[in-house]
Amino acid sequence: MIDSLTIRNRFLHALKLGIGEAYLLMQEHPEVDFSREIIAGAVQNFALDAQSEGSRADYIYGLIKRSATTDLLIIEVLERLLYHQEDDWGLYQLFDLAVLIHRDGYPEALPAIYERFAKSRQDDYECSGNPNRKQGAQQKNPKRVKI
């Protein structure tokens, strides 16, 4: 019999690749809790080229819905959205997941989305389109290069 750690490692590998083996492993091993790996995939977009591949929110949300801990995972995803500070592909994916969660009948997702957008005005939080981002603030007086 394969131990739980080996199964979870195979699951994480499949999740990072975005392949169906992750679904099959969940189906074959209902006794294994994949919550930690699912959250890792929710917070970080493992796409090789996220700009062209886009968010994997649909894929991750499918795993969340098939999990025995769906409600706990949804709460964790919304918490991670609220406290994710960097403007990166993971943040976009968390927003996409929150939208899917809301559309699936979880009304608590909408206030989390609004609250995270409101936080993007704070100095220590970034958000797409925020003109006051830390990176932008550091470049107020960029040095001009003569050509």
N, C-alpha and C. Protein backbone atom coordinates (compact mmCIF):
# COMPACT_ATOMS: atom_id res chain seq x y z
N MET A 1 0.84 -1.18 0.00
CA MET A 1 0.00 0.00 0.00
C MET A 1 0.89 1.25 0.00
N ILE A 2 0.50 2.24 -0.77
CA ILE A 2 1.24 3.49 -0.88
C ILE A 2 0.89 4.37 0.32
N ASP A 3 1.92 5.01 0.92
CA ASP A 3 1.65 5.84 2.09
C ASP A 3 1.03 7.18 1.68
N SER A 4 0.42 7.82 2.66
CA SER A 4 -0.31 9.07 2.43
C SER A 4 0.59 10.18 1.88
N LEU A 5 1.82 10.28 2.36
CA LEU A 5 2.73 11.32 1.90
C LEU A 5 3.05 11.16 0.42
N THR A 6 3.26 9.94 -0.02
CA THR A 6 3.54 9.68 -1.43
C THR A 6 2.35 10.07 -2.30
N ILE A 7 1.17 9.74 -1.84
CA ILE A 7 -0.05 10.07 -2.59
C ILE A 7 -0.21 11.59 -2.66
N ARG A 8 0.01 12.27 -1.54
CA ARG A 8 -0.11 13.74 -1.53
C ARG A 8 0.94 14.39 -2.42
N ASN A 9 2.14 13.84 -2.46
CA ASN A 9 3.18 14.37 -3.35
C ASN A 9 2.80 14.18 -4.82
N ARG A 10 2.24 13.02 -5.15
CA ARG A 10 1.78 12.78 -6.53
C ARG A 10 0.65 13.76 -6.87
N PHE A 11 -0.24 13.98 -5.91
CA PHE A 11 -1.35 14.91 -6.11
C PHE A 11 -0.82 16.32 -6.37
N LEU A 12 0.13 16.78 -5.56
CA LEU A 12 0.69 18.12 -5.74
C LEU A 12 1.38 18.25 -7.08
N HIS A 13 2.09 17.21 -7.48
CA HIS A 13 2.75 17.22 -8.78
C HIS A 13 1.72 17.35 -9.91
N ALA A 14 0.64 16.58 -9.82
CA ALA A 14 -0.43 16.64 -10.83
C ALA A 14 -1.11 18.01 -10.81
N LEU A 15 -1.31 18.56 -9.61
CA LEU A 15 -1.93 19.87 -9.48
C LEU A 15 -1.05 20.94 -10.13
N LYS A 16 0.26 20.87 -9.90
CA LYS A 16 1.17 21.85 -10.49
C LYS A 16 1.14 21.78 -12.02
N LEU A 17 0.97 20.57 -12.55
CA LEU A 17 0.90 20.41 -14.00
C LEU A 17 -0.49 20.74 -14.55
N GLY A 18 -1.47 20.76 -13.67
CA GLY A 18 -2.84 21.06 -14.09
C GLY A 18 -3.48 19.91 -14.84
N ILE A 19 -3.14 18.68 -14.46
CA ILE A 19 -3.66 17.52 -15.18
C ILE A 19 -4.71 16.77 -14.36
N GLY A 20 -5.45 15.91 -15.01
CA GLY A 20 -6.56 15.20 -14.40
C GLY A 20 -6.18 14.15 -13.38
N GLU A 21 -4.91 13.82 -13.29
CA GLU A 21 -4.49 12.83 -12.29
C GLU A 21 -4.87 13.27 -10.88
N ALA A 22 -4.88 14.57 -10.63
CA ALA A 22 -5.25 15.06 -9.30
C ALA A 22 -6.69 14.64 -8.97
N TYR A 23 -7.60 14.76 -9.93
CA TYR A 23 -8.98 14.33 -9.72
C TYR A 23 -9.05 12.83 -9.47
N LEU A 24 -8.28 12.07 -10.25
CA LEU A 24 -8.28 10.61 -10.09
C LEU A 24 -7.73 10.19 -8.74
N LEU A 25 -6.69 10.86 -8.27
CA LEU A 25 -6.13 10.54 -6.96
C LEU A 25 -7.13 10.84 -5.84
N MET A 26 -7.88 11.92 -5.97
CA MET A 26 -8.92 12.21 -4.98
C MET A 26 -9.99 11.12 -4.97
N GLN A 27 -10.33 10.65 -6.16
CA GLN A 27 -11.35 9.61 -6.28
C GLN A 27 -10.84 8.27 -5.73
N GLU A 28 -9.59 7.94 -6.02
CA GLU A 28 -9.02 6.65 -5.59
C GLU A 28 -8.67 6.63 -4.11
N HIS A 29 -8.42 7.79 -3.51
CA HIS A 29 -7.96 7.85 -2.13
C HIS A 29 -8.78 8.86 -1.31
N PRO A 30 -10.07 8.53 -1.08
CA PRO A 30 -10.91 9.46 -0.33
C PRO A 30 -10.47 9.62 1.13
N GLU A 31 -9.64 8.72 1.61
CA GLU A 31 -9.17 8.80 3.00
C GLU A 31 -8.06 9.83 3.19
N VAL A 32 -7.48 10.31 2.09
CA VAL A 32 -6.37 11.26 2.17
C VAL A 32 -6.92 12.69 2.10
N ASP A 33 -6.42 13.53 3.00
CA ASP A 33 -6.82 14.94 3.02
C ASP A 33 -5.84 15.73 2.16
N PHE A 34 -6.31 16.25 1.04
CA PHE A 34 -5.48 17.01 0.11
C PHE A 34 -5.63 18.53 0.32
N SER A 35 -6.20 18.95 1.43
CA SER A 35 -6.50 20.36 1.66
C SER A 35 -5.27 21.24 1.54
N ARG A 36 -4.16 20.84 2.14
CA ARG A 36 -2.95 21.66 2.11
C ARG A 36 -2.47 21.88 0.67
N GLU A 37 -2.52 20.84 -0.13
CA GLU A 37 -2.08 20.95 -1.52
C GLU A 37 -3.03 21.79 -2.34
N ILE A 38 -4.33 21.66 -2.09
CA ILE A 38 -5.32 22.46 -2.82
C ILE A 38 -5.14 23.94 -2.50
N ILE A 39 -4.91 24.26 -1.24
CA ILE A 39 -4.68 25.66 -0.86
C ILE A 39 -3.41 26.18 -1.52
N ALA A 40 -2.38 25.37 -1.56
CA ALA A 40 -1.13 25.79 -2.23
C ALA A 40 -1.40 26.12 -3.70
N GLY A 41 -2.22 25.31 -4.36
CA GLY A 41 -2.57 25.56 -5.75
C GLY A 41 -3.49 26.75 -5.93
N ALA A 42 -4.26 27.07 -4.90
CA ALA A 42 -5.15 28.23 -4.98
C ALA A 42 -4.37 29.53 -4.82
N VAL A 43 -3.40 29.54 -3.93
CA VAL A 43 -2.66 30.76 -3.62
C VAL A 43 -1.61 31.07 -4.68
N GLN A 44 -1.03 30.05 -5.25
CA GLN A 44 0.00 30.24 -6.28
C GLN A 44 -0.47 29.63 -7.59
N ASN A 45 -0.51 30.43 -8.62
CA ASN A 45 -0.88 29.93 -9.93
C ASN A 45 0.33 29.20 -10.50
N PHE A 46 0.23 27.88 -10.60
CA PHE A 46 1.34 27.06 -11.04
C PHE A 46 1.46 26.96 -12.56
N ALA A 47 0.70 27.75 -13.29
CA ALA A 47 0.78 27.72 -14.76
C ALA A 47 2.21 28.06 -15.19
N LEU A 48 2.68 27.38 -16.21
CA LEU A 48 4.03 27.65 -16.71
C LEU A 48 4.15 29.06 -17.27
N ASP A 49 3.11 29.52 -17.91
CA ASP A 49 3.07 30.89 -18.42
C ASP A 49 1.68 31.45 -18.10
N ALA A 50 1.54 31.99 -16.91
CA ALA A 50 0.24 32.44 -16.44
C ALA A 50 -0.35 33.54 -17.31
N GLN A 51 0.52 34.32 -17.94
CA GLN A 51 0.02 35.41 -18.78
C GLN A 51 -0.76 34.86 -19.98
N SER A 52 -0.28 33.77 -20.56
CA SER A 52 -0.99 33.22 -21.71
C SER A 52 -1.97 32.12 -21.31
N GLU A 53 -1.65 31.37 -20.25
CA GLU A 53 -2.52 30.28 -19.83
C GLU A 53 -3.68 30.78 -18.98
N GLY A 54 -3.45 31.85 -18.23
CA GLY A 54 -4.50 32.42 -17.40
C GLY A 54 -4.63 31.71 -16.06
N SER A 55 -5.72 32.00 -15.42
CA SER A 55 -6.00 31.46 -14.09
C SER A 55 -6.41 29.99 -14.18
N ARG A 56 -6.06 29.26 -13.15
CA ARG A 56 -6.51 27.87 -13.04
C ARG A 56 -7.63 27.75 -12.02
N ALA A 57 -8.37 28.81 -11.84
CA ALA A 57 -9.42 28.84 -10.82
C ALA A 57 -10.47 27.76 -11.06
N ASP A 58 -10.88 27.54 -12.30
CA ASP A 58 -11.88 26.50 -12.58
C ASP A 58 -11.37 25.12 -12.16
N TYR A 59 -10.12 24.86 -12.48
CA TYR A 59 -9.49 23.58 -12.14
C TYR A 59 -9.42 23.42 -10.61
N ILE A 60 -8.93 24.45 -9.93
CA ILE A 60 -8.80 24.40 -8.47
C ILE A 60 -10.17 24.30 -7.80
N TYR A 61 -11.14 25.06 -8.32
CA TYR A 61 -12.46 25.02 -7.70
C TYR A 61 -13.10 23.65 -7.87
N GLY A 62 -12.84 22.99 -8.97
CA GLY A 62 -13.32 21.62 -9.14
C GLY A 62 -12.76 20.69 -8.07
N LEU A 63 -11.49 20.87 -7.73
CA LEU A 63 -10.88 20.07 -6.67
C LEU A 63 -11.50 20.41 -5.31
N ILE A 64 -11.73 21.70 -5.09
CA ILE A 64 -12.35 22.13 -3.83
C ILE A 64 -13.73 21.49 -3.68
N LYS A 65 -14.51 21.51 -4.75
CA LYS A 65 -15.87 20.96 -4.69
C LYS A 65 -15.89 19.45 -4.47
N ARG A 66 -14.85 18.75 -4.89
CA ARG A 66 -14.78 17.30 -4.73
C ARG A 66 -14.17 16.89 -3.39
N SER A 67 -13.66 17.86 -2.66
CA SER A 67 -13.01 17.57 -1.38
C SER A 67 -14.05 17.31 -0.29
N ALA A 68 -13.65 16.51 0.68
CA ALA A 68 -14.52 16.27 1.84
C ALA A 68 -14.55 17.49 2.75
N THR A 69 -13.63 18.41 2.55
CA THR A 69 -13.54 19.61 3.40
C THR A 69 -13.86 20.88 2.60
N THR A 70 -14.83 20.80 1.72
CA THR A 70 -15.18 21.91 0.84
C THR A 70 -15.40 23.21 1.59
N ASP A 71 -16.24 23.19 2.62
CA ASP A 71 -16.55 24.43 3.34
C ASP A 71 -15.32 25.03 4.00
N LEU A 72 -14.47 24.20 4.58
CA LEU A 72 -13.25 24.71 5.20
C LEU A 72 -12.29 25.29 4.16
N LEU A 73 -12.22 24.65 3.00
CA LEU A 73 -11.36 25.16 1.93
C LEU A 73 -11.87 26.51 1.41
N ILE A 74 -13.17 26.64 1.29
CA ILE A 74 -13.74 27.91 0.82
C ILE A 74 -13.42 29.02 1.80
N ILE A 75 -13.58 28.76 3.08
CA ILE A 75 -13.24 29.76 4.10
C ILE A 75 -11.76 30.12 4.00
N GLU A 76 -10.91 29.14 3.84
CA GLU A 76 -9.47 29.39 3.75
C GLU A 76 -9.11 30.20 2.50
N VAL A 77 -9.72 29.89 1.37
CA VAL A 77 -9.46 30.64 0.14
C VAL A 77 -9.85 32.11 0.32
N LEU A 78 -11.00 32.36 0.93
CA LEU A 78 -11.45 33.74 1.15
C LEU A 78 -10.53 34.46 2.13
N GLU A 79 -10.05 33.76 3.15
CA GLU A 79 -9.10 34.35 4.09
C GLU A 79 -7.79 34.69 3.38
N ARG A 80 -7.33 33.78 2.55
CA ARG A 80 -6.07 34.03 1.82
C ARG A 80 -6.22 35.22 0.87
N LEU A 81 -7.39 35.36 0.27
CA LEU A 81 -7.63 36.52 -0.60
C LEU A 81 -7.49 37.81 0.20
N LEU A 82 -8.08 37.85 1.38
CA LEU A 82 -8.05 39.06 2.19
C LEU A 82 -6.63 39.47 2.60
N TYR A 83 -5.75 38.50 2.77
CA TYR A 83 -4.43 38.82 3.31
C TYR A 83 -3.29 38.64 2.32
N HIS A 84 -3.61 38.34 1.07
CA HIS A 84 -2.58 38.21 0.04
C HIS A 84 -2.17 39.62 -0.38
N GLN A 85 -0.92 39.97 -0.17
CA GLN A 85 -0.50 41.36 -0.36
C GLN A 85 0.09 41.64 -1.74
N GLU A 86 0.74 40.70 -2.34
CA GLU A 86 1.43 40.96 -3.60
C GLU A 86 0.47 40.96 -4.79
N ASP A 87 0.80 41.79 -5.75
CA ASP A 87 0.05 41.82 -7.01
C ASP A 87 0.72 40.83 -7.94
N ASP A 88 0.21 39.62 -7.96
CA ASP A 88 0.80 38.58 -8.79
C ASP A 88 -0.31 37.69 -9.34
N TRP A 89 0.09 36.66 -10.07
CA TRP A 89 -0.91 35.78 -10.69
C TRP A 89 -1.71 35.01 -9.64
N GLY A 90 -1.12 34.79 -8.48
CA GLY A 90 -1.85 34.14 -7.40
C GLY A 90 -3.01 34.98 -6.91
N LEU A 91 -2.80 36.29 -6.83
CA LEU A 91 -3.87 37.19 -6.41
C LEU A 91 -5.03 37.16 -7.41
N TYR A 92 -4.69 37.21 -8.69
CA TYR A 92 -5.73 37.15 -9.72
C TYR A 92 -6.52 35.85 -9.61
N GLN A 93 -5.80 34.76 -9.36
CA GLN A 93 -6.45 33.47 -9.24
C GLN A 93 -7.35 33.42 -8.00
N LEU A 94 -6.91 34.01 -6.90
CA LEU A 94 -7.75 34.06 -5.70
C LEU A 94 -9.02 34.86 -5.95
N PHE A 95 -8.91 35.97 -6.68
CA PHE A 95 -10.11 36.73 -7.05
C PHE A 95 -11.04 35.88 -7.92
N ASP A 96 -10.47 35.17 -8.90
CA ASP A 96 -11.29 34.31 -9.76
C ASP A 96 -11.99 33.22 -8.94
N LEU A 97 -11.27 32.65 -7.99
CA LEU A 97 -11.88 31.62 -7.12
C LEU A 97 -13.01 32.23 -6.29
N ALA A 98 -12.81 33.42 -5.77
CA ALA A 98 -13.85 34.07 -4.96
C ALA A 98 -15.11 34.32 -5.79
N VAL A 99 -14.93 34.68 -7.05
CA VAL A 99 -16.08 34.88 -7.94
C VAL A 99 -16.81 33.55 -8.16
N LEU A 100 -16.07 32.49 -8.40
CA LEU A 100 -16.69 31.17 -8.58
C LEU A 100 -17.42 30.73 -7.31
N ILE A 101 -16.81 30.99 -6.17
CA ILE A 101 -17.43 30.64 -4.89
C ILE A 101 -18.74 31.41 -4.71
N HIS A 102 -18.71 32.70 -5.02
CA HIS A 102 -19.93 33.52 -4.91
C HIS A 102 -21.01 33.02 -5.86
N ARG A 103 -20.64 32.75 -7.09
CA ARG A 103 -21.62 32.28 -8.09
C ARG A 103 -22.22 30.93 -7.70
N ASP A 104 -21.49 30.17 -6.89
CA ASP A 104 -21.94 28.84 -6.48
C ASP A 104 -22.83 28.91 -5.24
N GLY A 105 -23.18 30.12 -4.82
CA GLY A 105 -24.14 30.24 -3.72
C GLY A 105 -23.55 30.52 -2.36
N TYR A 106 -22.34 31.02 -2.30
CA TYR A 106 -21.73 31.39 -1.03
C TYR A 106 -21.69 32.92 -0.95
N PRO A 107 -22.67 33.52 -0.30
CA PRO A 107 -22.77 34.98 -0.28
C PRO A 107 -21.61 35.67 0.45
N GLU A 108 -20.92 34.95 1.33
CA GLU A 108 -19.81 35.57 2.07
C GLU A 108 -18.62 35.89 1.18
N ALA A 109 -18.60 35.39 -0.03
CA ALA A 109 -17.48 35.67 -0.94
C ALA A 109 -17.50 37.12 -1.43
N LEU A 110 -18.67 37.67 -1.66
CA LEU A 110 -18.75 39.03 -2.19
C LEU A 110 -18.17 40.08 -1.24
N PRO A 111 -18.51 40.06 0.05
CA PRO A 111 -17.87 41.02 0.95
C PRO A 111 -16.35 40.85 1.02
N ALA A 112 -15.87 39.62 0.88
CA ALA A 112 -14.42 39.38 0.89
C ALA A 112 -13.77 40.03 -0.33
N ILE A 113 -14.42 39.94 -1.47
CA ILE A 113 -13.89 40.57 -2.69
C ILE A 113 -13.84 42.09 -2.51
N TYR A 114 -14.92 42.67 -2.02
CA TYR A 114 -14.95 44.12 -1.80
C TYR A 114 -13.90 44.56 -0.78
N GLU A 115 -13.78 43.79 0.29
CA GLU A 115 -12.81 44.15 1.33
C GLU A 115 -11.39 44.10 0.80
N ARG A 116 -11.10 43.10 -0.04
CA ARG A 116 -9.74 43.00 -0.59
C ARG A 116 -9.46 44.16 -1.55
N PHE A 117 -10.44 44.54 -2.35
CA PHE A 117 -10.27 45.71 -3.22
C PHE A 117 -10.02 46.97 -2.39
N ALA A 118 -10.74 47.11 -1.29
CA ALA A 118 -10.55 48.28 -0.43
C ALA A 118 -9.14 48.28 0.17
N LYS A 119 -8.62 47.12 0.49
CA LYS A 119 -7.27 47.03 1.05
C LYS A 119 -6.20 47.45 0.05
N SER A 120 -6.50 47.43 -1.22
CA SER A 120 -5.48 47.76 -2.22
C SER A 120 -5.07 49.23 -2.14
N ARG A 121 -5.77 50.02 -1.36
CA ARG A 121 -5.38 51.42 -1.14
C ARG A 121 -4.36 51.56 -0.02
N GLN A 122 -4.18 50.51 0.76
CA GLN A 122 -3.21 50.55 1.84
C GLN A 122 -1.81 50.38 1.28
N ASP A 123 -0.84 50.97 1.94
CA ASP A 123 0.54 50.94 1.46
C ASP A 123 1.10 49.53 1.36
N ASP A 124 0.72 48.63 2.26
CA ASP A 124 1.32 47.31 2.27
C ASP A 124 0.55 46.27 1.46
N TYR A 125 -0.48 46.71 0.72
CA TYR A 125 -1.23 45.81 -0.16
C TYR A 125 -1.16 46.33 -1.58
N GLU A 126 -1.10 45.41 -2.51
CA GLU A 126 -1.09 45.77 -3.92
C GLU A 126 -2.32 45.16 -4.59
N CYS A 127 -2.71 45.75 -5.67
CA CYS A 127 -3.81 45.21 -6.46
C CYS A 127 -3.67 45.69 -7.88
N SER A 128 -4.10 44.90 -8.79
CA SER A 128 -4.03 45.25 -10.20
C SER A 128 -4.71 46.59 -10.45
N GLY A 129 -4.02 47.49 -11.11
CA GLY A 129 -4.60 48.77 -11.44
C GLY A 129 -4.46 49.83 -10.36
N ASN A 130 -3.84 49.49 -9.23
CA ASN A 130 -3.68 50.45 -8.16
C ASN A 130 -2.54 51.40 -8.49
N PRO A 131 -2.81 52.69 -8.67
CA PRO A 131 -1.74 53.63 -9.04
C PRO A 131 -0.77 53.91 -7.90
N ASN A 132 -1.12 53.52 -6.68
CA ASN A 132 -0.26 53.78 -5.52
C ASN A 132 0.55 52.55 -5.10
N ARG A 133 0.76 51.64 -6.01
CA ARG A 133 1.51 50.42 -5.69
C ARG A 133 2.91 50.78 -5.25
N LYS A 134 3.49 49.91 -4.41
CA LYS A 134 4.84 50.14 -3.91
C LYS A 134 5.83 50.31 -5.05
N GLN A 135 5.72 49.50 -6.05
CA GLN A 135 6.65 49.57 -7.17
C GLN A 135 6.52 50.91 -7.88
N GLY A 136 5.30 51.36 -8.07
CA GLY A 136 5.06 52.64 -8.73
C GLY A 136 5.53 53.80 -7.87
N ALA A 137 5.35 53.68 -6.55
CA ALA A 137 5.77 54.75 -5.65
C ALA A 137 7.29 54.91 -5.67
N GLN A 138 8.01 53.83 -5.87
CA GLN A 138 9.47 53.90 -5.90
C GLN A 138 9.96 54.54 -7.19
N GLN A 139 9.13 54.61 -8.19
CA GLN A 139 9.54 55.12 -9.49
C GLN A 139 8.94 56.49 -9.77
N LYS A 140 8.71 57.31 -8.75
CA LYS A 140 8.10 58.62 -8.97
C LYS A 140 8.99 59.51 -9.83
N ASN A 141 10.27 59.49 -9.59
CA ASN A 141 11.22 60.31 -10.34
C ASN A 141 12.24 59.39 -11.03
N PRO A 142 11.81 58.68 -12.05
CA PRO A 142 12.76 57.77 -12.69
C PRO A 142 13.88 58.54 -13.39
N LYS A 143 15.04 57.96 -13.39
CA LYS A 143 16.18 58.59 -14.08
C LYS A 143 15.99 58.42 -15.57
N ARG A 144 16.20 59.49 -16.29
CA ARG A 144 16.05 59.41 -17.73
C ARG A 144 17.37 59.00 -18.36
N VAL A 145 17.26 58.13 -19.32
CA VAL A 145 18.46 57.67 -20.03
C VAL A 145 18.53 58.42 -21.35
N LYS A 146 19.67 59.03 -21.59
CA LYS A 146 19.86 59.74 -22.86
C LYS A 146 20.19 58.74 -23.94
N ILE A 147 19.56 58.93 -25.06
CA ILE A 147 19.80 58.03 -26.20
C ILE A 147 20.59 58.75 -27.26
